[in-house]
All heavy atoms as atom14 arrays in JSON, in Angstrom:
{
  "sequence": "SCAASGSRFILYAMGWYRQSPGKQRELVATMTRDSSTNYADSVKGRF",
  "atom14_mask": [
    [1, 1, 1, 1, 1, 1, 0, 0, 0, 0, 0, 0, 0, 0],
    [1, 1, 1, 1, 1, 1, 0, 0, 0, 0, 0, 0, 0, 0],
    [1, 1, 1, 1, 1, 0, 0, 0, 0, 0, 0, 0, 0, 0],
    [1, 1, 1, 1, 1, 0, 0, 0, 0, 0, 0, 0, 0, 0],
    [1, 1, 1, 1, 1, 1, 0, 0, 0, 0, 0, 0, 0, 0],
    [1, 1, 1, 1, 0, 0, 0, 0, 0, 0, 0, 0, 0, 0],
    [1, 1, 1, 1, 1, 1, 0, 0, 0, 0, 0, 0, 0, 0],
    [1, 1, 1, 1, 1, 1, 1, 1, 1, 1, 1, 0, 0, 0],
    [1, 1, 1, 1, 1, 1, 1, 1, 1, 1, 1, 0, 0, 0],
    [1, 1, 1, 1, 1, 1, 1, 1, 0, 0, 0, 0, 0, 0],
    [1, 1, 1, 1, 1, 1, 1, 1, 0, 0, 0, 0, 0, 0],
    [1, 1, 1, 1, 1, 1, 1, 1, 1, 1, 1, 1, 0, 0],
    [1, 1, 1, 1, 1, 0, 0, 0, 0, 0, 0, 0, 0, 0],
    [1, 1, 1, 1, 1, 1, 1, 1, 0, 0, 0, 0, 0, 0],
    [1, 1, 1, 1, 0, 0, 0, 0, 0, 0, 0, 0, 0, 0],
    [1, 1, 1, 1, 1, 1, 1, 1, 1, 1, 1, 1, 1, 1],
    [1, 1, 1, 1, 1, 1, 1, 1, 1, 1, 1, 1, 0, 0],
    [1, 1, 1, 1, 1, 1, 1, 1, 1, 1, 1, 0, 0, 0],
    [1, 1, 1, 1, 1, 1, 1, 1, 1, 0, 0, 0, 0, 0],
    [1, 1, 1, 1, 1, 1, 0, 0, 0, 0, 0, 0, 0, 0],
    [1, 1, 1, 1, 1, 1, 1, 0, 0, 0, 0, 0, 0, 0],
    [1, 1, 1, 1, 0, 0, 0, 0, 0, 0, 0, 0, 0, 0],
    [1, 1, 1, 1, 1, 1, 1, 1, 1, 0, 0, 0, 0, 0],
    [1, 1, 1, 1, 1, 1, 1, 1, 1, 0, 0, 0, 0, 0],
    [1, 1, 1, 1, 1, 1, 1, 1, 1, 1, 1, 0, 0, 0],
    [1, 1, 1, 1, 1, 1, 1, 1, 1, 0, 0, 0, 0, 0],
    [1, 1, 1, 1, 1, 1, 1, 1, 0, 0, 0, 0, 0, 0],
    [1, 1, 1, 1, 1, 1, 1, 0, 0, 0, 0, 0, 0, 0],
    [1, 1, 1, 1, 1, 0, 0, 0, 0, 0, 0, 0, 0, 0],
    [1, 1, 1, 1, 1, 1, 1, 0, 0, 0, 0, 0, 0, 0],
    [1, 1, 1, 1, 1, 1, 1, 1, 0, 0, 0, 0, 0, 0],
    [1, 1, 1, 1, 1, 1, 1, 0, 0, 0, 0, 0, 0, 0],
    [1, 1, 1, 1, 1, 1, 1, 1, 1, 1, 1, 0, 0, 0],
    [1, 1, 1, 1, 1, 1, 1, 1, 0, 0, 0, 0, 0, 0],
    [1, 1, 1, 1, 1, 1, 0, 0, 0, 0, 0, 0, 0, 0],
    [1, 1, 1, 1, 1, 1, 0, 0, 0, 0, 0, 0, 0, 0],
    [1, 1, 1, 1, 1, 1, 1, 0, 0, 0, 0, 0, 0, 0],
    [1, 1, 1, 1, 1, 1, 1, 1, 0, 0, 0, 0, 0, 0],
    [1, 1, 1, 1, 1, 1, 1, 1, 1, 1, 1, 1, 0, 0],
    [1, 1, 1, 1, 1, 0, 0, 0, 0, 0, 0, 0, 0, 0],
    [1, 1, 1, 1, 1, 1, 1, 1, 0, 0, 0, 0, 0, 0],
    [1, 1, 1, 1, 1, 1, 0, 0, 0, 0, 0, 0, 0, 0],
    [1, 1, 1, 1, 1, 1, 1, 0, 0, 0, 0, 0, 0, 0],
    [1, 1, 1, 1, 1, 1, 1, 1, 1, 0, 0, 0, 0, 0],
    [1, 1, 1, 1, 0, 0, 0, 0, 0, 0, 0, 0, 0, 0],
    [1, 1, 1, 1, 1, 1, 1, 1, 1, 1, 1, 0, 0, 0],
    [1, 1, 1, 1, 1, 1, 1, 1, 1, 1, 1, 0, 0, 0]
  ],
  "atom14_positions": [
    [[-10.2, -1.21, -3.71], [-10.56, -0.6, -2.41], [-10.33, -1.68, -1.29], [-10.36, -2.82, -1.52], [-12.11, -0.21, -2.44], [-12.31, 0.77, -3.38], [0.0, 0.0, 0.0], [0.0, 0.0, 0.0], [0.0, 0.0, 0.0], [0.0, 0.0, 0.0], [0.0, 0.0, 0.0], [0.0, 0.0, 0.0], [0.0, 0.0, 0.0], [0.0, 0.0, 0.0]],
    [[-10.08, -1.07, -0.11], [-9.76, -1.98, 1.03], [-10.31, -1.32, 2.37], [-10.14, -0.1, 2.5], [-8.28, -2.18, 1.13], [-7.77, -3.15, 2.66], [0.0, 0.0, 0.0], [0.0, 0.0, 0.0], [0.0, 0.0, 0.0], [0.0, 0.0, 0.0], [0.0, 0.0, 0.0], [0.0, 0.0, 0.0], [0.0, 0.0, 0.0], [0.0, 0.0, 0.0]],
    [[-11.01, -2.04, 3.09], [-11.63, -1.56, 4.31], [-11.02, -2.36, 5.44], [-11.02, -3.68, 5.33], [-13.04, -1.59, 4.28], [0.0, 0.0, 0.0], [0.0, 0.0, 0.0], [0.0, 0.0, 0.0], [0.0, 0.0, 0.0], [0.0, 0.0, 0.0], [0.0, 0.0, 0.0], [0.0, 0.0, 0.0], [0.0, 0.0, 0.0], [0.0, 0.0, 0.0]],
    [[-10.63, -1.75, 6.51], [-10.06, -2.49, 7.74], [-11.21, -2.48, 8.8], [-11.89, -1.52, 8.98], [-8.86, -1.77, 8.33], [0.0, 0.0, 0.0], [0.0, 0.0, 0.0], [0.0, 0.0, 0.0], [0.0, 0.0, 0.0], [0.0, 0.0, 0.0], [0.0, 0.0, 0.0], [0.0, 0.0, 0.0], [0.0, 0.0, 0.0], [0.0, 0.0, 0.0]],
    [[-11.28, -3.62, 9.38], [-12.27, -3.81, 10.55], [-11.6, -4.35, 11.74], [-10.54, -5.0, 11.59], [-13.43, -4.73, 10.09], [-13.0, -5.96, 9.73], [0.0, 0.0, 0.0], [0.0, 0.0, 0.0], [0.0, 0.0, 0.0], [0.0, 0.0, 0.0], [0.0, 0.0, 0.0], [0.0, 0.0, 0.0], [0.0, 0.0, 0.0], [0.0, 0.0, 0.0]],
    [[-12.08, -4.2, 12.85], [-11.57, -4.68, 14.08], [-10.56, -3.83, 14.77], [-9.97, -4.3, 15.74], [0.0, 0.0, 0.0], [0.0, 0.0, 0.0], [0.0, 0.0, 0.0], [0.0, 0.0, 0.0], [0.0, 0.0, 0.0], [0.0, 0.0, 0.0], [0.0, 0.0, 0.0], [0.0, 0.0, 0.0], [0.0, 0.0, 0.0], [0.0, 0.0, 0.0]],
    [[-10.28, -2.7, 14.27], [-9.42, -1.73, 14.97], [-10.15, -0.5, 15.48], [-10.82, 0.07, 14.73], [-8.32, -1.25, 13.94], [-7.46, -0.34, 14.57], [0.0, 0.0, 0.0], [0.0, 0.0, 0.0], [0.0, 0.0, 0.0], [0.0, 0.0, 0.0], [0.0, 0.0, 0.0], [0.0, 0.0, 0.0], [0.0, 0.0, 0.0], [0.0, 0.0, 0.0]],
    [[-9.84, -0.22, 16.78], [-10.46, 1.04, 17.29], [-9.61, 2.13, 17.0], [-9.9, 3.38, 17.35], [-10.71, 0.79, 18.78], [-11.74, -0.29, 19.1], [-11.88, -0.42, 20.56], [-10.64, -0.79, 21.26], [-10.39, -0.55, 22.52], [-11.2, 0.14, 23.27], [-9.26, -0.91, 23.06], [0.0, 0.0, 0.0], [0.0, 0.0, 0.0], [0.0, 0.0, 0.0]],
    [[-8.43, 1.92, 16.51], [-7.39, 2.92, 16.35], [-7.08, 3.19, 14.89], [-7.31, 2.36, 14.1], [-6.07, 2.52, 17.13], [-6.31, 2.24, 18.59], [-6.4, 0.86, 18.94], [-6.47, 3.18, 19.51], [-6.62, 0.55, 20.2], [-6.73, 2.85, 20.81], [-6.7, 1.48, 21.13], [0.0, 0.0, 0.0], [0.0, 0.0, 0.0], [0.0, 0.0, 0.0]],
    [[-6.53, 4.42, 14.59], [-6.14, 4.69, 13.26], [-4.82, 3.86, 12.93], [-3.84, 3.98, 13.63], [-5.94, 6.25, 13.19], [-7.1, 7.04, 13.48], [-5.35, 6.55, 11.72], [-8.27, 6.77, 12.55], [0.0, 0.0, 0.0], [0.0, 0.0, 0.0], [0.0, 0.0, 0.0], [0.0, 0.0, 0.0], [0.0, 0.0, 0.0], [0.0, 0.0, 0.0]],
    [[-4.87, 3.26, 11.82], [-3.78, 2.44, 11.47], [-2.68, 3.44, 10.93], [-2.88, 4.31, 10.31], [-4.19, 1.49, 10.36], [-5.13, 0.39, 10.81], [-5.77, -0.38, 9.59], [-4.58, -0.59, 11.78], [0.0, 0.0, 0.0], [0.0, 0.0, 0.0], [0.0, 0.0, 0.0], [0.0, 0.0, 0.0], [0.0, 0.0, 0.0], [0.0, 0.0, 0.0]],
    [[-1.46, 2.99, 11.4], [-0.24, 3.94, 11.09], [-0.16, 4.11, 9.48], [0.01, 5.18, 8.92], [1.05, 3.43, 11.63], [2.19, 4.22, 11.12], [2.45, 5.52, 11.53], [3.12, 3.65, 10.22], [3.44, 6.2, 11.06], [4.17, 4.38, 9.76], [4.3, 5.64, 10.1], [5.41, 6.45, 9.59], [0.0, 0.0, 0.0], [0.0, 0.0, 0.0]],
    [[-0.22, 2.89, 8.85], [-0.02, 2.98, 7.34], [-1.0, 1.99, 6.71], [-1.25, 0.9, 7.27], [1.47, 2.62, 6.97], [0.0, 0.0, 0.0], [0.0, 0.0, 0.0], [0.0, 0.0, 0.0], [0.0, 0.0, 0.0], [0.0, 0.0, 0.0], [0.0, 0.0, 0.0], [0.0, 0.0, 0.0], [0.0, 0.0, 0.0], [0.0, 0.0, 0.0]],
    [[-1.38, 2.2, 5.53], [-2.22, 1.39, 4.7], [-1.66, 1.53, 3.23], [-1.19, 2.51, 2.91], [-3.7, 1.7, 4.8], [-4.29, 1.55, 6.2], [-6.12, 1.65, 6.05], [-6.64, 0.14, 5.35], [0.0, 0.0, 0.0], [0.0, 0.0, 0.0], [0.0, 0.0, 0.0], [0.0, 0.0, 0.0], [0.0, 0.0, 0.0], [0.0, 0.0, 0.0]],
    [[-1.87, 0.41, 2.55], [-1.38, 0.38, 1.24], [-1.66, -0.89, 0.43], [-2.46, -1.66, 0.85], [0.0, 0.0, 0.0], [0.0, 0.0, 0.0], [0.0, 0.0, 0.0], [0.0, 0.0, 0.0], [0.0, 0.0, 0.0], [0.0, 0.0, 0.0], [0.0, 0.0, 0.0], [0.0, 0.0, 0.0], [0.0, 0.0, 0.0], [0.0, 0.0, 0.0]],
    [[-0.86, -1.01, -0.63], [-0.96, -2.17, -1.42], [0.39, -2.81, -1.85], [1.35, -2.09, -2.14], [-1.79, -1.78, -2.77], [-3.0, -1.19, -2.5], [-3.44, 0.04, -2.21], [-4.26, -1.99, -2.42], [-4.74, 0.05, -2.01], [-5.27, -1.14, -2.12], [-4.54, -3.31, -2.66], [-6.6, -1.57, -2.04], [-5.94, -3.69, -2.5], [-6.93, -2.86, -2.17]],
    [[0.39, -4.09, -1.98], [1.45, -4.8, -2.43], [0.97, -5.82, -3.54], [-0.31, -5.95, -3.6], [2.16, -5.7, -1.29], [3.13, -4.96, -0.36], [2.61, -4.06, 0.43], [4.47, -5.13, -0.42], [3.37, -3.33, 1.28], [5.35, -4.42, 0.37], [4.81, -3.53, 1.32], [5.65, -2.8, 2.12], [0.0, 0.0, 0.0], [0.0, 0.0, 0.0]],
    [[1.81, -6.34, -4.32], [1.3, -7.28, -5.38], [2.34, -8.44, -5.55], [3.51, -8.27, -5.18], [1.16, -6.54, -6.65], [2.34, -6.04, -7.33], [1.96, -5.23, -8.64], [3.16, -4.7, -9.22], [3.09, -3.85, -10.34], [1.95, -3.36, -10.75], [4.21, -3.48, -10.87], [0.0, 0.0, 0.0], [0.0, 0.0, 0.0], [0.0, 0.0, 0.0]],
    [[1.85, -9.57, -6.11], [2.72, -10.69, -6.32], [2.25, -11.26, -7.57], [1.07, -11.73, -7.7], [2.55, -11.6, -5.18], [3.56, -12.76, -5.25], [3.65, -13.61, -4.0], [2.82, -13.5, -3.12], [4.74, -14.41, -3.84], [0.0, 0.0, 0.0], [0.0, 0.0, 0.0], [0.0, 0.0, 0.0], [0.0, 0.0, 0.0], [0.0, 0.0, 0.0]],
    [[3.22, -11.42, -8.45], [3.0, -12.11, -9.79], [3.52, -13.51, -9.66], [4.35, -13.83, -8.8], [3.73, -11.39, -10.87], [3.32, -10.03, -10.92], [0.0, 0.0, 0.0], [0.0, 0.0, 0.0], [0.0, 0.0, 0.0], [0.0, 0.0, 0.0], [0.0, 0.0, 0.0], [0.0, 0.0, 0.0], [0.0, 0.0, 0.0], [0.0, 0.0, 0.0]],
    [[3.01, -14.53, -10.47], [3.55, -15.86, -10.39], [5.05, -15.94, -10.52], [5.57, -15.34, -11.49], [2.86, -16.6, -11.62], [1.5, -15.74, -11.75], [1.98, -14.34, -11.46], [0.0, 0.0, 0.0], [0.0, 0.0, 0.0], [0.0, 0.0, 0.0], [0.0, 0.0, 0.0], [0.0, 0.0, 0.0], [0.0, 0.0, 0.0], [0.0, 0.0, 0.0]],
    [[5.69, -16.67, -9.62], [7.16, -16.83, -9.66], [7.89, -15.71, -9.13], [9.17, -15.68, -9.15], [0.0, 0.0, 0.0], [0.0, 0.0, 0.0], [0.0, 0.0, 0.0], [0.0, 0.0, 0.0], [0.0, 0.0, 0.0], [0.0, 0.0, 0.0], [0.0, 0.0, 0.0], [0.0, 0.0, 0.0], [0.0, 0.0, 0.0], [0.0, 0.0, 0.0]],
    [[7.22, -14.62, -8.7], [7.93, -13.52, -8.12], [7.67, -13.18, -6.68], [6.66, -13.74, -6.18], [7.62, -12.14, -8.97], [8.06, -12.31, -10.31], [7.73, -10.9, -11.13], [8.23, -10.99, -12.53], [8.07, -9.73, -13.26], [0.0, 0.0, 0.0], [0.0, 0.0, 0.0], [0.0, 0.0, 0.0], [0.0, 0.0, 0.0], [0.0, 0.0, 0.0]],
    [[8.48, -12.51, -6.03], [8.25, -12.14, -4.62], [7.25, -11.0, -4.57], [6.98, -10.21, -5.48], [9.47, -11.71, -4.01], [10.54, -12.72, -3.74], [11.73, -12.29, -2.9], [12.16, -11.14, -2.96], [12.32, -13.25, -2.26], [0.0, 0.0, 0.0], [0.0, 0.0, 0.0], [0.0, 0.0, 0.0], [0.0, 0.0, 0.0], [0.0, 0.0, 0.0]],
    [[6.54, -10.92, -3.4], [5.58, -9.89, -3.22], [6.4, -8.55, -3.15], [7.36, -8.41, -2.57], [4.87, -10.03, -1.89], [3.69, -9.16, -1.66], [2.93, -9.55, -0.38], [2.26, -10.9, -0.48], [1.5, -11.37, 0.35], [1.1, -10.6, 1.47], [1.0, -12.65, 0.18], [0.0, 0.0, 0.0], [0.0, 0.0, 0.0], [0.0, 0.0, 0.0]],
    [[5.8, -7.53, -3.84], [6.48, -6.3, -3.95], [5.58, -5.08, -3.61], [4.4, -5.2, -3.75], [7.04, -6.05, -5.38], [5.97, -6.02, -6.41], [6.53, -5.61, -7.75], [7.76, -5.54, -7.99], [5.67, -5.59, -8.74], [0.0, 0.0, 0.0], [0.0, 0.0, 0.0], [0.0, 0.0, 0.0], [0.0, 0.0, 0.0], [0.0, 0.0, 0.0]],
    [[6.2, -4.0, -3.16], [5.54, -2.79, -2.78], [4.89, -2.2, -4.06], [5.41, -2.1, -5.12], [6.38, -1.78, -2.2], [5.92, -0.36, -2.08], [4.84, -0.26, -0.92], [7.04, 0.7, -1.88], [0.0, 0.0, 0.0], [0.0, 0.0, 0.0], [0.0, 0.0, 0.0], [0.0, 0.0, 0.0], [0.0, 0.0, 0.0], [0.0, 0.0, 0.0]],
    [[3.59, -1.75, -3.95], [2.98, -0.92, -4.93], [2.85, 0.49, -4.5], [3.41, 1.38, -5.07], [1.56, -1.5, -5.29], [0.95, -0.55, -6.45], [1.62, -2.89, -5.88], [0.0, 0.0, 0.0], [0.0, 0.0, 0.0], [0.0, 0.0, 0.0], [0.0, 0.0, 0.0], [0.0, 0.0, 0.0], [0.0, 0.0, 0.0], [0.0, 0.0, 0.0]],
    [[2.2, 0.76, -3.43], [2.07, 2.02, -2.85], [1.59, 1.98, -1.42], [0.77, 1.14, -1.1], [1.1, 2.95, -3.62], [0.0, 0.0, 0.0], [0.0, 0.0, 0.0], [0.0, 0.0, 0.0], [0.0, 0.0, 0.0], [0.0, 0.0, 0.0], [0.0, 0.0, 0.0], [0.0, 0.0, 0.0], [0.0, 0.0, 0.0], [0.0, 0.0, 0.0]],
    [[2.06, 2.92, -0.57], [1.58, 2.91, 0.78], [1.32, 4.45, 1.18], [1.9, 5.3, 0.46], [2.56, 2.28, 1.82], [3.87, 3.02, 1.69], [2.69, 0.87, 1.57], [0.0, 0.0, 0.0], [0.0, 0.0, 0.0], [0.0, 0.0, 0.0], [0.0, 0.0, 0.0], [0.0, 0.0, 0.0], [0.0, 0.0, 0.0], [0.0, 0.0, 0.0]],
    [[0.46, 4.73, 2.17], [0.31, 5.93, 2.68], [0.19, 5.9, 4.16], [-0.52, 5.06, 4.67], [-0.99, 6.54, 2.09], [-1.34, 7.94, 2.64], [-2.87, 8.58, 1.85], [-2.28, 9.18, 0.32], [0.0, 0.0, 0.0], [0.0, 0.0, 0.0], [0.0, 0.0, 0.0], [0.0, 0.0, 0.0], [0.0, 0.0, 0.0], [0.0, 0.0, 0.0]],
    [[0.93, 6.8, 4.94], [0.83, 6.87, 6.37], [-0.35, 7.66, 6.72], [-1.04, 8.33, 5.92], [2.09, 7.47, 6.94], [2.26, 8.8, 6.47], [3.34, 6.7, 6.45], [0.0, 0.0, 0.0], [0.0, 0.0, 0.0], [0.0, 0.0, 0.0], [0.0, 0.0, 0.0], [0.0, 0.0, 0.0], [0.0, 0.0, 0.0], [0.0, 0.0, 0.0]],
    [[-0.64, 7.66, 8.05], [-1.84, 8.44, 8.58], [-1.6, 9.94, 8.41], [-2.63, 10.6, 8.51], [-2.11, 8.07, 9.99], [-1.0, 8.36, 10.95], [-1.34, 7.76, 12.25], [-0.24, 7.92, 13.3], [-0.19, 7.31, 14.43], [-1.19, 6.45, 14.8], [0.87, 7.46, 15.17], [0.0, 0.0, 0.0], [0.0, 0.0, 0.0], [0.0, 0.0, 0.0]],
    [[-0.37, 10.37, 8.19], [-0.18, 11.81, 7.88], [0.01, 12.11, 6.52], [0.55, 13.15, 6.08], [0.97, 12.35, 8.78], [2.4, 11.62, 8.44], [2.33, 10.74, 7.61], [3.39, 12.03, 8.93], [0.0, 0.0, 0.0], [0.0, 0.0, 0.0], [0.0, 0.0, 0.0], [0.0, 0.0, 0.0], [0.0, 0.0, 0.0], [0.0, 0.0, 0.0]],
    [[-0.46, 11.23, 5.61], [-0.57, 11.36, 4.18], [0.81, 11.33, 3.44], [0.86, 11.64, 2.26], [-1.26, 12.65, 3.83], [-2.56, 12.68, 4.37], [0.0, 0.0, 0.0], [0.0, 0.0, 0.0], [0.0, 0.0, 0.0], [0.0, 0.0, 0.0], [0.0, 0.0, 0.0], [0.0, 0.0, 0.0], [0.0, 0.0, 0.0], [0.0, 0.0, 0.0]],
    [[1.81, 10.76, 4.13], [3.04, 10.51, 3.37], [2.95, 9.32, 2.54], [2.51, 8.24, 2.97], [4.23, 10.38, 4.42], [5.39, 10.08, 3.71], [0.0, 0.0, 0.0], [0.0, 0.0, 0.0], [0.0, 0.0, 0.0], [0.0, 0.0, 0.0], [0.0, 0.0, 0.0], [0.0, 0.0, 0.0], [0.0, 0.0, 0.0], [0.0, 0.0, 0.0]],
    [[3.26, 9.46, 1.25], [3.15, 8.34, 0.28], [4.47, 7.72, -0.16], [5.47, 8.41, -0.2], [2.33, 8.75, -0.91], [3.0, 9.81, -1.64], [0.89, 9.2, -0.56], [0.0, 0.0, 0.0], [0.0, 0.0, 0.0], [0.0, 0.0, 0.0], [0.0, 0.0, 0.0], [0.0, 0.0, 0.0], [0.0, 0.0, 0.0], [0.0, 0.0, 0.0]],
    [[4.46, 6.52, -0.61], [5.54, 5.76, -1.13], [5.14, 4.89, -2.37], [4.17, 4.09, -2.08], [6.29, 4.88, -0.07], [7.55, 4.36, -0.55], [8.18, 4.86, -1.5], [7.91, 3.16, -0.1], [0.0, 0.0, 0.0], [0.0, 0.0, 0.0], [0.0, 0.0, 0.0], [0.0, 0.0, 0.0], [0.0, 0.0, 0.0], [0.0, 0.0, 0.0]],
    [[5.67, 5.12, -3.55], [5.23, 4.4, -4.67], [6.42, 3.66, -5.29], [7.6, 4.04, -5.25], [4.72, 5.31, -5.81], [3.41, 6.01, -5.56], [3.33, 7.3, -4.93], [2.29, 5.39, -5.94], [2.18, 7.85, -4.78], [1.02, 5.96, -5.83], [0.97, 7.2, -5.14], [-0.21, 7.88, -4.94], [0.0, 0.0, 0.0], [0.0, 0.0, 0.0]],
    [[6.14, 2.45, -5.85], [7.14, 1.78, -6.6], [7.37, 2.58, -7.84], [6.42, 3.2, -8.35], [6.55, 0.37, -6.99], [0.0, 0.0, 0.0], [0.0, 0.0, 0.0], [0.0, 0.0, 0.0], [0.0, 0.0, 0.0], [0.0, 0.0, 0.0], [0.0, 0.0, 0.0], [0.0, 0.0, 0.0], [0.0, 0.0, 0.0], [0.0, 0.0, 0.0]],
    [[8.6, 2.54, -8.27], [8.95, 3.27, -9.48], [8.2, 2.84, -10.75], [7.8, 3.74, -11.56], [10.46, 3.09, -9.75], [11.32, 3.85, -8.8], [10.84, 4.83, -8.12], [12.55, 3.56, -8.73], [0.0, 0.0, 0.0], [0.0, 0.0, 0.0], [0.0, 0.0, 0.0], [0.0, 0.0, 0.0], [0.0, 0.0, 0.0], [0.0, 0.0, 0.0]],
    [[7.82, 1.63, -10.74], [7.16, 1.05, -11.94], [5.67, 1.54, -12.03], [5.07, 1.47, -13.09], [7.15, -0.47, -11.93], [6.38, -0.83, -10.73], [0.0, 0.0, 0.0], [0.0, 0.0, 0.0], [0.0, 0.0, 0.0], [0.0, 0.0, 0.0], [0.0, 0.0, 0.0], [0.0, 0.0, 0.0], [0.0, 0.0, 0.0], [0.0, 0.0, 0.0]],
    [[5.18, 2.19, -10.97], [3.73, 2.58, -11.09], [3.63, 4.16, -10.92], [2.5, 4.61, -11.01], [2.85, 1.96, -10.06], [3.02, 0.42, -10.11], [3.2, 2.4, -8.59], [0.0, 0.0, 0.0], [0.0, 0.0, 0.0], [0.0, 0.0, 0.0], [0.0, 0.0, 0.0], [0.0, 0.0, 0.0], [0.0, 0.0, 0.0], [0.0, 0.0, 0.0]],
    [[4.69, 4.85, -10.64], [4.63, 6.28, -10.48], [4.13, 6.9, -11.73], [4.47, 6.56, -12.81], [6.03, 6.84, -10.15], [6.55, 6.61, -8.7], [7.88, 7.18, -8.59], [8.37, 6.91, -7.09], [9.77, 7.38, -6.86], [0.0, 0.0, 0.0], [0.0, 0.0, 0.0], [0.0, 0.0, 0.0], [0.0, 0.0, 0.0], [0.0, 0.0, 0.0]],
    [[3.17, 7.9, -11.47], [2.55, 8.54, -12.63], [1.3, 7.82, -13.17], [0.54, 8.36, -14.09], [0.0, 0.0, 0.0], [0.0, 0.0, 0.0], [0.0, 0.0, 0.0], [0.0, 0.0, 0.0], [0.0, 0.0, 0.0], [0.0, 0.0, 0.0], [0.0, 0.0, 0.0], [0.0, 0.0, 0.0], [0.0, 0.0, 0.0], [0.0, 0.0, 0.0]],
    [[1.12, 6.58, -12.83], [-0.05, 5.76, -13.38], [-1.01, 5.42, -12.21], [-2.26, 5.34, -12.46], [0.5, 4.52, -14.03], [1.37, 4.73, -15.23], [1.68, 3.48, -15.93], [2.37, 2.45, -15.12], [1.92, 1.28, -14.82], [0.75, 0.78, -15.36], [2.59, 0.33, -14.13], [0.0, 0.0, 0.0], [0.0, 0.0, 0.0], [0.0, 0.0, 0.0]],
    [[-0.45, 5.14, -11.03], [-1.33, 4.77, -9.87], [-1.42, 5.88, -8.93], [-0.36, 6.55, -8.7], [-0.68, 3.49, -9.21], [-0.84, 2.2, -9.98], [-1.13, 2.22, -11.41], [-0.48, 1.0, -9.45], [-1.14, 1.06, -12.15], [-0.52, -0.2, -10.21], [-0.78, -0.13, -11.55], [0.0, 0.0, 0.0], [0.0, 0.0, 0.0], [0.0, 0.0, 0.0]]
  ]
}
């Protein structure tokens, strides 16, 4: 879970990225304020 503070406005997008040792940070999933989602192929169907 993640909560944002300090913003009086609705954030355009929120989501998750991850980083494993020795790897670059990568997208996991995001959702825009109109509920459009984007998932990494590796997590589709599981997350």
